[in-house]
């Protein structure tokens, strides 16, 4: 198991993309966010 596919889209488009994927029968979730930061990379 695991994450089968990742699609990166603009934040403004995320809900529309998620709605479309659900309409065509895909199981999809928002799993993260790309953000600016001062301290480099944080792995969580």
C-alpha atoms as a PDB file:
ATOM      1  CA  UNK A   1       0.000   0.000   0.000  1.00  0.00           C
ATOM      2  CA  UNK A   2       0.971   3.624  -0.068  1.00  0.00           C
ATOM      3  CA  UNK A   3       0.315   6.694  -2.116  1.00  0.00           C
ATOM      4  CA  UNK A   4      -0.451   5.591  -5.661  1.00  0.00           C
ATOM      5  CA  UNK A   5      -0.132   8.952  -7.400  1.00  0.00           C
ATOM      6  CA  UNK A   6       0.554  12.568  -6.478  1.00  0.00           C
ATOM      7  CA  UNK A   7      -0.793  15.502  -8.489  1.00  0.00           C
ATOM      8  CA  UNK A   8       0.544  18.972  -7.650  1.00  0.00           C
ATOM      9  CA  UNK A   9      -1.784  21.834  -8.618  1.00  0.00           C
ATOM     10  CA  UNK A  10      -2.172  25.509  -7.797  1.00  0.00           C
ATOM     11  CA  UNK A  11      -3.867  26.058  -4.453  1.00  0.00           C
ATOM     12  CA  UNK A  12      -6.656  27.949  -6.248  1.00  0.00           C
ATOM     13  CA  UNK A  13      -7.405  24.894  -8.416  1.00  0.00           C
ATOM     14  CA  UNK A  14      -7.193  22.196  -5.740  1.00  0.00           C
ATOM     15  CA  UNK A  15     -10.905  21.913  -4.931  1.00  0.00           C
ATOM     16  CA  UNK A  16     -11.914  21.857  -8.615  1.00  0.00           C
ATOM     17  CA  UNK A  17      -9.384  19.112  -9.348  1.00  0.00           C
ATOM     18  CA  UNK A  18     -10.524  17.141  -6.307  1.00  0.00           C
ATOM     19  CA  UNK A  19     -14.181  17.484  -7.371  1.00  0.00           C
ATOM     20  CA  UNK A  20     -13.340  16.300 -10.899  1.00  0.00           C
ATOM     21  CA  UNK A  21     -11.415  13.279  -9.646  1.00  0.00           C
ATOM     22  CA  UNK A  22     -14.343  12.315  -7.413  1.00  0.00           C
ATOM     23  CA  UNK A  23     -16.780  12.735 -10.341  1.00  0.00           C
ATOM     24  CA  UNK A  24     -14.818  10.235 -12.444  1.00  0.00           C
ATOM     25  CA  UNK A  25     -14.763   7.713  -9.626  1.00  0.00           C
ATOM     26  CA  UNK A  26     -11.306   8.294  -8.175  1.00  0.00           C
ATOM     27  CA  UNK A  27     -10.554   8.350  -4.474  1.00  0.00           C
ATOM     28  CA  UNK A  28      -8.558  11.536  -3.890  1.00  0.00           C
ATOM     29  CA  UNK A  29      -7.418  13.631  -0.957  1.00  0.00           C
ATOM     30  CA  UNK A  30      -5.445  16.792  -0.314  1.00  0.00           C
ATOM     31  CA  UNK A  31      -2.390  15.499   1.541  1.00  0.00           C
ATOM     32  CA  UNK A  32      -0.054  18.463   1.777  1.00  0.00           C
ATOM     33  CA  UNK A  33       0.852  22.037   1.037  1.00  0.00           C
ATOM     34  CA  UNK A  34       3.905  23.731  -0.438  1.00  0.00           C
ATOM     35  CA  UNK A  35       4.868  26.730   1.682  1.00  0.00           C
ATOM     36  CA  UNK A  36       7.722  29.188   1.999  1.00  0.00           C
ATOM     37  CA  UNK A  37       9.802  28.991   5.129  1.00  0.00           C
ATOM     38  CA  UNK A  38      12.950  30.373   6.729  1.00  0.00           C
ATOM     39  CA  UNK A  39      14.502  27.205   8.126  1.00  0.00           C
ATOM     40  CA  UNK A  40      15.046  24.929   5.148  1.00  0.00           C
ATOM     41  CA  UNK A  41      13.367  21.568   4.815  1.00  0.00           C
ATOM     42  CA  UNK A  42      11.273  20.036   7.567  1.00  0.00           C
ATOM     43  CA  UNK A  43      10.451  16.355   7.177  1.00  0.00           C
ATOM     44  CA  UNK A  44       7.355  15.319   9.097  1.00  0.00           C
END
